[in-house]
PDB file of N, CA and C in Angstrom:
ATOM      1  N   MET A   1      16.439  31.133  17.190  1.00  0.00           N
ATOM      2  CA  MET A   1      16.961  31.447  15.935  1.00  0.00           C
ATOM      3  C   MET A   1      16.252  30.320  14.766  1.00  0.00           C
ATOM      4  N   GLU A   2      16.152  30.583  13.702  1.00  0.00           N
ATOM      5  CA  GLU A   2      15.736  29.734  12.721  1.00  0.00           C
ATOM      6  C   GLU A   2      16.972  28.648  12.307  1.00  0.00           C
ATOM      7  N   GLU A   3      16.727  27.484  12.021  1.00  0.00           N
ATOM      8  CA  GLU A   3      17.610  26.444  11.672  1.00  0.00           C
ATOM      9  C   GLU A   3      18.829  26.978  10.772  1.00  0.00           C
ATOM     10  N   LYS A   4      18.604  27.607   9.580  1.00  0.00           N
ATOM     11  CA  LYS A   4      19.588  28.175   8.758  1.00  0.00           C
ATOM     12  C   LYS A   4      20.538  29.244   9.593  1.00  0.00           C
ATOM     13  N   THR A   5      19.813  29.998  10.071  1.00  0.00           N
ATOM     14  CA  THR A   5      20.649  31.183  10.848  1.00  0.00           C
ATOM     15  C   THR A   5      21.468  30.515  11.815  1.00  0.00           C
ATOM     16  N   THR A   6      20.959  29.511  12.441  1.00  0.00           N
ATOM     17  CA  THR A   6      21.828  28.845  13.545  1.00  0.00           C
ATOM     18  C   THR A   6      23.000  28.202  13.074  1.00  0.00           C
ATOM     19  N   ARG A   7      22.767  27.595  11.684  1.00  0.00           N
ATOM     20  CA  ARG A   7      23.927  27.025  11.067  1.00  0.00           C
ATOM     21  C   ARG A   7      24.872  27.888  10.562  1.00  0.00           C
ATOM     22  N   VAL A   8      24.661  29.141  10.210  1.00  0.00           N
ATOM     23  CA  VAL A   8      25.615  30.100   9.730  1.00  0.00           C
ATOM     24  C   VAL A   8      26.269  30.605  10.838  1.00  0.00           C
ATOM     25  N   VAL A   9      25.596  30.915  11.987  1.00  0.00           N
ATOM     26  CA  VAL A   9      26.249  31.453  13.209  1.00  0.00           C
ATOM     27  C   VAL A   9      27.306  30.526  13.741  1.00  0.00           C
ATOM     28  N   ASP A  10      26.777  29.124  13.720  1.00  0.00           N
ATOM     29  CA  ASP A  10      27.851  28.194  14.157  1.00  0.00           C
ATOM     30  C   ASP A  10      29.049  28.160  13.312  1.00  0.00           C
ATOM     31  N   TYR A  11      28.804  28.156  11.974  1.00  0.00           N
ATOM     32  CA  TYR A  11      29.880  27.944  10.947  1.00  0.00           C
ATOM     33  C   TYR A  11      30.884  29.128  11.176  1.00  0.00           C
ATOM     34  N   ILE A  12      30.211  30.436  11.062  1.00  0.00           N
ATOM     35  CA  ILE A  12      31.058  31.681  11.335  1.00  0.00           C
ATOM     36  C   ILE A  12      31.953  31.647  12.513  1.00  0.00           C
ATOM     37  N   ASN A  13      31.287  31.121  13.725  1.00  0.00           N
ATOM     38  CA  ASN A  13      32.149  30.931  14.998  1.00  0.00           C
ATOM     39  C   ASN A  13      33.124  29.908  14.882  1.00  0.00           C
ATOM     40  N   GLU A  14      32.876  28.748  14.080  1.00  0.00           N
ATOM     41  CA  GLU A  14      33.801  27.845  13.891  1.00  0.00           C
ATOM     42  C   GLU A  14      35.296  28.479  12.969  1.00  0.00           C
ATOM     43  N   VAL A  15      34.792  29.070  11.968  1.00  0.00           N
ATOM     44  CA  VAL A  15      35.978  29.483  11.130  1.00  0.00           C
ATOM     45  C   VAL A  15      36.598  30.719  11.634  1.00  0.00           C
ATOM     46  N   LYS A  16      35.836  31.317  12.654  1.00  0.00           N
ATOM     47  CA  LYS A  16      36.316  32.708  13.091  1.00  0.00           C
ATOM     48  C   LYS A  16      36.827  33.748  12.294  1.00  0.00           C
ATOM     49  N   THR A  17      35.762  33.976  11.209  1.00  0.00           N
ATOM     50  CA  THR A  17      35.887  34.812  10.143  1.00  0.00           C
ATOM     51  C   THR A  17      34.641  35.756   9.961  1.00  0.00           C
ATOM     52  N   ARG A  18      34.863  36.948   9.828  1.00  0.00           N
ATOM     53  CA  ARG A  18      33.772  37.911   9.737  1.00  0.00           C
ATOM     54  C   ARG A  18      33.162  37.707   8.421  1.00  0.00           C
ATOM     55  N   CYS A  19      31.770  38.160   8.617  1.00  0.00           N
ATOM     56  CA  CYS A  19      30.874  37.936   7.351  1.00  0.00           C
ATOM     57  C   CYS A  19      29.925  39.160   7.215  1.00  0.00           C
ATOM     58  N   THR A  20      29.679  39.637   6.182  1.00  0.00           N
ATOM     59  CA  THR A  20      28.666  40.789   6.048  1.00  0.00           C
ATOM     60  C   THR A  20      27.281  40.211   6.305  1.00  0.00           C
ATOM     61  N   TYR A  21      26.542  41.079   6.726  1.00  0.00           N
ATOM     62  CA  TYR A  21      25.170  40.856   6.990  1.00  0.00           C
ATOM     63  C   TYR A  21      24.638  40.487   5.705  1.00  0.00           C
ATOM     64  N   ASN A  22      24.867  41.129   4.544  1.00  0.00           N
ATOM     65  CA  ASN A  22      24.235  40.905   3.405  1.00  0.00           C
ATOM     66  C   ASN A  22      24.490  39.458   2.944  1.00  0.00           C
ATOM     67  N   ALA A  23      25.879  38.893   3.082  1.00  0.00           N
ATOM     68  CA  ALA A  23      26.308  37.809   2.440  1.00  0.00           C
ATOM     69  C   ALA A  23      25.485  36.772   3.267  1.00  0.00           C
ATOM     70  N   ALA A  24      25.377  36.868   4.543  1.00  0.00           N
ATOM     71  CA  ALA A  24      24.685  35.882   5.291  1.00  0.00           C
ATOM     72  C   ALA A  24      23.147  35.827   5.081  1.00  0.00           C
ATOM     73  N   ALA A  25      22.443  37.056   5.108  1.00  0.00           N
ATOM     74  CA  ALA A  25      21.194  37.070   4.862  1.00  0.00           C
ATOM     75  C   ALA A  25      20.794  36.423   3.461  1.00  0.00           C
ATOM     76  N   GLU A  26      21.518  36.743   2.249  1.00  0.00           N
ATOM     77  CA  GLU A  26      21.179  36.142   0.967  1.00  0.00           C
ATOM     78  C   GLU A  26      21.391  34.837   1.166  1.00  0.00           C
ATOM     79  N   ALA A  27      22.345  34.147   1.766  1.00  0.00           N
ATOM     80  CA  ALA A  27      22.557  32.663   1.687  1.00  0.00           C
ATOM     81  C   ALA A  27      21.274  32.101   2.450  1.00  0.00           C
ATOM     82  N   ILE A  28      20.854  32.582   3.331  1.00  0.00           N
ATOM     83  CA  ILE A  28      19.775  32.017   4.278  1.00  0.00           C
ATOM     84  C   ILE A  28      18.523  32.429   3.488  1.00  0.00           C
ATOM     85  N   GLY A  29      18.355  33.314   2.584  1.00  0.00           N
ATOM     86  CA  GLY A  29      17.081  33.574   1.862  1.00  0.00           C
ATOM     87  C   GLY A  29      16.266  34.694   2.621  1.00  0.00           C
ATOM     88  N   ILE A  30      16.852  35.390   3.371  1.00  0.00           N
ATOM     89  CA  ILE A  30      15.902  36.360   4.099  1.00  0.00           C
ATOM     90  C   ILE A  30      16.602  37.955   3.946  1.00  0.00           C
ATOM     91  N   THR A  31      16.040  38.935   4.379  1.00  0.00           N
ATOM     92  CA  THR A  31      16.521  40.305   4.304  1.00  0.00           C
ATOM     93  C   THR A  31      17.642  40.494   5.263  1.00  0.00           C
ATOM     94  N   PRO A  32      18.633  41.524   5.341  1.00  0.00           N
ATOM     95  CA  PRO A  32      19.459  41.680   6.182  1.00  0.00           C
ATOM     96  C   PRO A  32      18.800  41.947   7.566  1.00  0.00           C
ATOM     97  N   HIS A  33      17.816  43.014   7.368  1.00  0.00           N
ATOM     98  CA  HIS A  33      17.021  43.322   8.664  1.00  0.00           C
ATOM     99  C   HIS A  33      16.601  42.244   9.269  1.00  0.00           C
ATOM    100  N   ALA A  34      15.869  41.337   8.593  1.00  0.00           N
ATOM    101  CA  ALA A  34      15.386  40.054   9.263  1.00  0.00           C
ATOM    102  C   ALA A  34      16.449  39.302   9.993  1.00  0.00           C
ATOM    103  N   LEU A  35      17.487  39.214   9.266  1.00  0.00           N
ATOM    104  CA  LEU A  35      18.862  38.417   9.930  1.00  0.00           C
ATOM    105  C   LEU A  35      19.040  39.060  11.345  1.00  0.00           C
ATOM    106  N   LYS A  36      19.235  40.425  11.292  1.00  0.00           N
ATOM    107  CA  LYS A  36      19.606  41.150  12.463  1.00  0.00           C
ATOM    108  C   LYS A  36      18.581  41.033  13.677  1.00  0.00           C
ATOM    109  N   LYS A  37      17.309  40.938  13.279  1.00  0.00           N
ATOM    110  CA  LYS A  37      16.221  40.642  14.187  1.00  0.00           C
ATOM    111  C   LYS A  37      16.272  39.118  14.680  1.00  0.00           C
ATOM    112  N   GLN A  38      16.639  38.200  13.811  1.00  0.00           N
ATOM    113  CA  GLN A  38      16.847  36.865  14.461  1.00  0.00           C
ATOM    114  C   GLN A  38      18.102  36.701  15.313  1.00  0.00           C
ATOM    115  N   LEU A  39      19.146  37.437  14.881  1.00  0.00           N
ATOM    116  CA  LEU A  39      20.332  37.092  15.830  1.00  0.00           C
ATOM    117  C   LEU A  39      20.321  37.891  17.189  1.00  0.00           C
ATOM    118  N   GLY A  40      19.296  38.920  17.422  1.00  0.00           N
ATOM    119  CA  GLY A  40      18.988  39.343  18.747  1.00  0.00           C
ATOM    120  C   GLY A  40      20.025  40.458  19.145  1.00  0.00           C
ATOM    121  N   ASP A  41      20.100  40.369  20.527  1.00  0.00           N
ATOM    122  CA  ASP A  41      21.104  41.475  21.102  1.00  0.00           C
ATOM    123  C   ASP A  41      22.449  41.213  20.831  1.00  0.00           C
ATOM    124  N   PRO A  42      23.264  42.243  20.946  1.00  0.00           N
ATOM    125  CA  PRO A  42      24.727  42.060  20.755  1.00  0.00           C
ATOM    126  C   PRO A  42      25.448  41.056  21.718  1.00  0.00           C
ATOM    127  N   ARG A  43      26.330  40.242  21.243  1.00  0.00           N
ATOM    128  CA  ARG A  43      27.007  39.363  21.908  1.00  0.00           C
ATOM    129  C   ARG A  43      28.179  38.769  21.253  1.00  0.00           C
ATOM    130  N   PRO A  44      29.209  38.289  21.872  1.00  0.00           N
ATOM    131  CA  PRO A  44      30.446  37.901  21.035  1.00  0.00           C
ATOM    132  C   PRO A  44      30.137  37.088  19.966  1.00  0.00           C
ATOM    133  N   GLU A  45      29.370  36.116  20.145  1.00  0.00           N
ATOM    134  CA  GLU A  45      29.323  34.890  19.065  1.00  0.00           C
ATOM    135  C   GLU A  45      28.543  35.614  17.653  1.00  0.00           C
ATOM    136  N   ILE A  46      27.905  36.713  17.740  1.00  0.00           N
ATOM    137  CA  ILE A  46      27.259  37.299  16.580  1.00  0.00           C
ATOM    138  C   ILE A  46      27.986  38.480  16.047  1.00  0.00           C
ATOM    139  N   SER A  47      29.067  38.839  16.785  1.00  0.00           N
ATOM    140  CA  SER A  47      29.796  40.140  16.501  1.00  0.00           C
ATOM    141  C   SER A  47      30.573  39.753  15.197  1.00  0.00           C
ATOM    142  N   TRP A  48      30.714  38.466  14.574  1.00  0.00           N
ATOM    143  CA  TRP A  48      31.418  38.159  13.377  1.00  0.00           C
ATOM    144  C   TRP A  48      30.529  38.817  12.208  1.00  0.00           C
ATOM    145  N   PHE A  49      29.129  39.076  12.470  1.00  0.00           N
ATOM    146  CA  PHE A  49      28.592  39.766  11.336  1.00  0.00           C
ATOM    147  C   PHE A  49      28.680  41.179  11.209  1.00  0.00           C
ATOM    148  N   VAL A  50      29.227  41.700  10.146  1.00  0.00           N
ATOM    149  CA  VAL A  50      29.738  43.129   9.925  1.00  0.00           C
ATOM    150  C   VAL A  50      29.037  43.843   8.857  1.00  0.00           C
ATOM    151  N   SER A  51      29.144  45.126   8.923  1.00  0.00           N
ATOM    152  CA  SER A  51      28.993  46.056   7.890  1.00  0.00           C
ATOM    153  C   SER A  51      29.815  45.959   6.787  1.00  0.00           C
ATOM    154  N   PRO A  52      29.370  45.814   5.382  1.00  0.00           N
ATOM    155  CA  PRO A  52      30.185  45.586   4.256  1.00  0.00           C
ATOM    156  C   PRO A  52      31.113  46.973   4.099  1.00  0.00           C
ATOM    157  N   THR A  53      30.746  48.026   4.703  1.00  0.00           N
ATOM    158  CA  THR A  53      31.662  49.264   4.321  1.00  0.00           C
ATOM    159  C   THR A  53      32.765  49.469   5.470  1.00  0.00           C
ATOM    160  N   SER A  54      32.434  49.023   6.674  1.00  0.00           N
ATOM    161  CA  SER A  54      33.486  49.380   7.513  1.00  0.00           C
ATOM    162  C   SER A  54      34.128  47.945   8.084  1.00  0.00           C
ATOM    163  N   GLY A  55      33.453  46.881   7.817  1.00  0.00           N
ATOM    164  CA  GLY A  55      34.015  45.632   8.388  1.00  0.00           C
ATOM    165  C   GLY A  55      33.972  45.442   9.809  1.00  0.00           C
ATOM    166  N   GLU A  56      33.151  46.282  10.431  1.00  0.00           N
ATOM    167  CA  GLU A  56      32.898  46.300  11.875  1.00  0.00           C
ATOM    168  C   GLU A  56      31.374  45.815  12.284  1.00  0.00           C
ATOM    169  N   PRO A  57      31.392  45.254  13.538  1.00  0.00           N
ATOM    170  CA  PRO A  57      29.982  44.806  13.771  1.00  0.00           C
ATOM    171  C   PRO A  57      29.299  46.214  13.960  1.00  0.00           C
ATOM    172  N   MET A  58      27.971  46.493  13.759  1.00  0.00           N
ATOM    173  CA  MET A  58      27.206  47.607  14.048  1.00  0.00           C
ATOM    174  C   MET A  58      26.582  47.591  15.436  1.00  0.00           C
ATOM    175  N   ARG A  59      26.830  48.594  16.090  1.00  0.00           N
ATOM    176  CA  ARG A  59      26.460  48.984  17.415  1.00  0.00           C
ATOM    177  C   ARG A  59      26.809  47.914  18.449  1.00  0.00           C
ATOM    178  N   PHE A  60      27.976  47.615  18.468  1.00  0.00           N
ATOM    179  CA  PHE A  60      28.631  46.599  19.390  1.00  0.00           C
ATOM    180  C   PHE A  60      29.545  47.422  20.302  1.00  0.00           C
ATOM    181  N   LYS A  61      29.416  47.284  21.534  1.00  0.00           N
ATOM    182  CA  LYS A  61      30.576  47.776  22.535  1.00  0.00           C
ATOM    183  C   LYS A  61      31.734  46.922  22.462  1.00  0.00           C
ATOM    184  N   ASP A  62      32.866  47.359  22.897  1.00  0.00           N
ATOM    185  CA  ASP A  62      34.038  46.580  22.838  1.00  0.00           C
ATOM    186  C   ASP A  62      33.835  45.210  23.553  1.00  0.00           C
ATOM    187  N   ASP A  63      33.359  45.185  24.747  1.00  0.00           N
ATOM    188  CA  ASP A  63      33.318  44.070  25.533  1.00  0.00           C
ATOM    189  C   ASP A  63      32.127  43.107  24.964  1.00  0.00           C
ATOM    190  N   GLU A  64      31.364  43.497  23.906  1.00  0.00           N
ATOM    191  CA  GLU A  64      30.448  42.586  23.286  1.00  0.00           C
ATOM    192  C   GLU A  64      31.051  41.941  21.939  1.00  0.00           C
ATOM    193  N   LYS A  65      32.179  42.253  21.523  1.00  0.00           N
ATOM    194  CA  LYS A  65      32.886  41.778  20.492  1.00  0.00           C
ATOM    195  C   LYS A  65      33.747  40.622  20.805  1.00  0.00           C
ATOM    196  N   HIS A  66      33.694  39.615  19.886  1.00  0.00           N
ATOM    197  CA  HIS A  66      34.597  38.311  20.046  1.00  0.00           C
ATOM    198  C   HIS A  66      36.017  38.692  20.433  1.00  0.00           C
ATOM    199  N   PRO A  67      36.596  38.167  21.124  1.00  0.00           N
ATOM    200  CA  PRO A  67      38.239  38.408  21.543  1.00  0.00           C
ATOM    201  C   PRO A  67      38.939  38.061  20.242  1.00  0.00           C
ATOM    202  N   GLU A  68      38.671  37.318  19.238  1.00  0.00           N
ATOM    203  CA  GLU A  68      39.413  36.850  17.932  1.00  0.00           C
ATOM    204  C   GLU A  68      38.944  37.577  16.703  1.00  0.00           C
ATOM    205  N   LEU A  69      38.022  38.581  17.011  1.00  0.00           N
ATOM    206  CA  LEU A  69      37.314  39.388  15.785  1.00  0.00           C
ATOM    207  C   LEU A  69      38.345  39.747  14.773  1.00  0.00           C
ATOM    208  N   TYR A  70      39.655  40.241  15.118  1.00  0.00           N
ATOM    209  CA  TYR A  70      40.291  40.780  14.315  1.00  0.00           C
ATOM    210  C   TYR A  70      41.629  39.935  13.853  1.00  0.00           C
ATOM    211  N   ARG A  71      41.446  38.511  14.166  1.00  0.00           N
ATOM    212  CA  ARG A  71      42.537  37.451  13.835  1.00  0.00           C
ATOM    213  C   ARG A  71      42.971  37.515  12.506  1.00  0.00           C
ATOM    214  N   THR A  72      42.046  37.773  11.696  1.00  0.00           N
ATOM    215  CA  THR A  72      42.322  37.988  10.200  1.00  0.00           C
ATOM    216  C   THR A  72      41.724  39.133   9.419  1.00  0.00           C
ATOM    217  N   THR A  73      42.217  39.650   8.348  1.00  0.00           N
ATOM    218  CA  THR A  73      41.507  40.739   7.717  1.00  0.00           C
ATOM    219  C   THR A  73      40.448  40.106   6.634  1.00  0.00           C
ATOM    220  N   ARG A  74      40.329  38.954   6.540  1.00  0.00           N
ATOM    221  CA  ARG A  74      39.356  38.400   5.524  1.00  0.00           C
ATOM    222  C   ARG A  74      37.992  38.459   6.089  1.00  0.00           C
ATOM    223  N   ILE A  75      37.176  38.781   5.154  1.00  0.00           N
ATOM    224  CA  ILE A  75      35.671  38.875   5.572  1.00  0.00           C
ATOM    225  C   ILE A  75      34.965  38.313   4.482  1.00  0.00           C
ATOM    226  N   ILE A  76      33.978  37.375   4.731  1.00  0.00           N
ATOM    227  CA  ILE A  76      33.253  36.791   3.647  1.00  0.00           C
ATOM    228  C   ILE A  76      32.094  37.657   3.274  1.00  0.00           C
ATOM    229  N   THR A  77      32.149  38.021   1.991  1.00  0.00           N
ATOM    230  CA  THR A  77      31.368  39.086   1.324  1.00  0.00           C
ATOM    231  C   THR A  77      30.257  38.540   0.317  1.00  0.00           C
ATOM    232  N   SER A  78      30.520  37.160   0.123  1.00  0.00           N
ATOM    233  CA  SER A  78      29.631  36.549  -0.866  1.00  0.00           C
ATOM    234  C   SER A  78      28.712  35.272  -0.333  1.00  0.00           C
ATOM    235  N   SER A  79      27.586  35.418  -0.517  1.00  0.00           N
ATOM    236  CA  SER A  79      26.784  34.327   0.061  1.00  0.00           C
ATOM    237  C   SER A  79      27.063  32.930  -0.654  1.00  0.00           C
ATOM    238  N   LYS A  80      27.695  32.888  -1.727  1.00  0.00           N
ATOM    239  CA  LYS A  80      28.120  31.534  -2.460  1.00  0.00           C
ATOM    240  C   LYS A  80      28.964  31.002  -1.509  1.00  0.00           C
ATOM    241  N   VAL A  81      29.920  31.739  -0.871  1.00  0.00           N
ATOM    242  CA  VAL A  81      30.906  30.846   0.118  1.00  0.00           C
ATOM    243  C   VAL A  81      29.909  30.065   1.151  1.00  0.00           C
ATOM    244  N   LEU A  82      28.997  30.794   1.839  1.00  0.00           N
ATOM    245  CA  LEU A  82      28.199  30.043   2.673  1.00  0.00           C
ATOM    246  C   LEU A  82      27.335  28.905   2.290  1.00  0.00           C
ATOM    247  N   VAL A  83      26.769  29.212   0.929  1.00  0.00           N
ATOM    248  CA  VAL A  83      25.931  28.284   0.216  1.00  0.00           C
ATOM    249  C   VAL A  83      26.677  27.120  -0.180  1.00  0.00           C
ATOM    250  N   ARG A  84      27.954  27.205  -0.354  1.00  0.00           N
ATOM    251  CA  ARG A  84      28.848  26.111  -0.739  1.00  0.00           C
ATOM    252  C   ARG A  84      29.344  25.347   0.385  1.00  0.00           C
ATOM    253  N   ASN A  85      29.717  26.121   1.359  1.00  0.00           N
ATOM    254  CA  ASN A  85      30.288  25.380   2.569  1.00  0.00           C
ATOM    255  C   ASN A  85      29.291  24.867   3.540  1.00  0.00           C
ATOM    256  N   LEU A  86      27.983  25.236   3.539  1.00  0.00           N
ATOM    257  CA  LEU A  86      27.060  24.862   4.163  1.00  0.00           C
ATOM    258  C   LEU A  86      25.899  24.004   3.708  1.00  0.00           C
ATOM    259  N   GLY A  87      25.814  24.080   2.241  1.00  0.00           N
ATOM    260  CA  GLY A  87      24.894  23.186   1.461  1.00  0.00           C
ATOM    261  C   GLY A  87      23.482  23.807   1.658  1.00  0.00           C
ATOM    262  N   LEU A  88      23.481  25.178   1.908  1.00  0.00           N
ATOM    263  CA  LEU A  88      22.252  25.929   2.064  1.00  0.00           C
ATOM    264  C   LEU A  88      21.538  25.948   0.739  1.00  0.00           C
TER     265      LEU A  88
END
């Protein structure tokens, strides 16, 4: 993964908060499609990235989702949060 993408993945896993693909991609400076490609196959540590309409990870089986995925209803929907907190 690219350095900025890795930083965002690490941050999202640290704060255990869902984040839309759009917010993460915009903060990194790539398209949501490019972000999905960089993230690769479904696995728990990237299940934090979700659809803005459903709040769910797209095309993830239950066993591929992080066990704490629903610990909060909060979802990061603005790239500004990531830019501010990670200095992107």
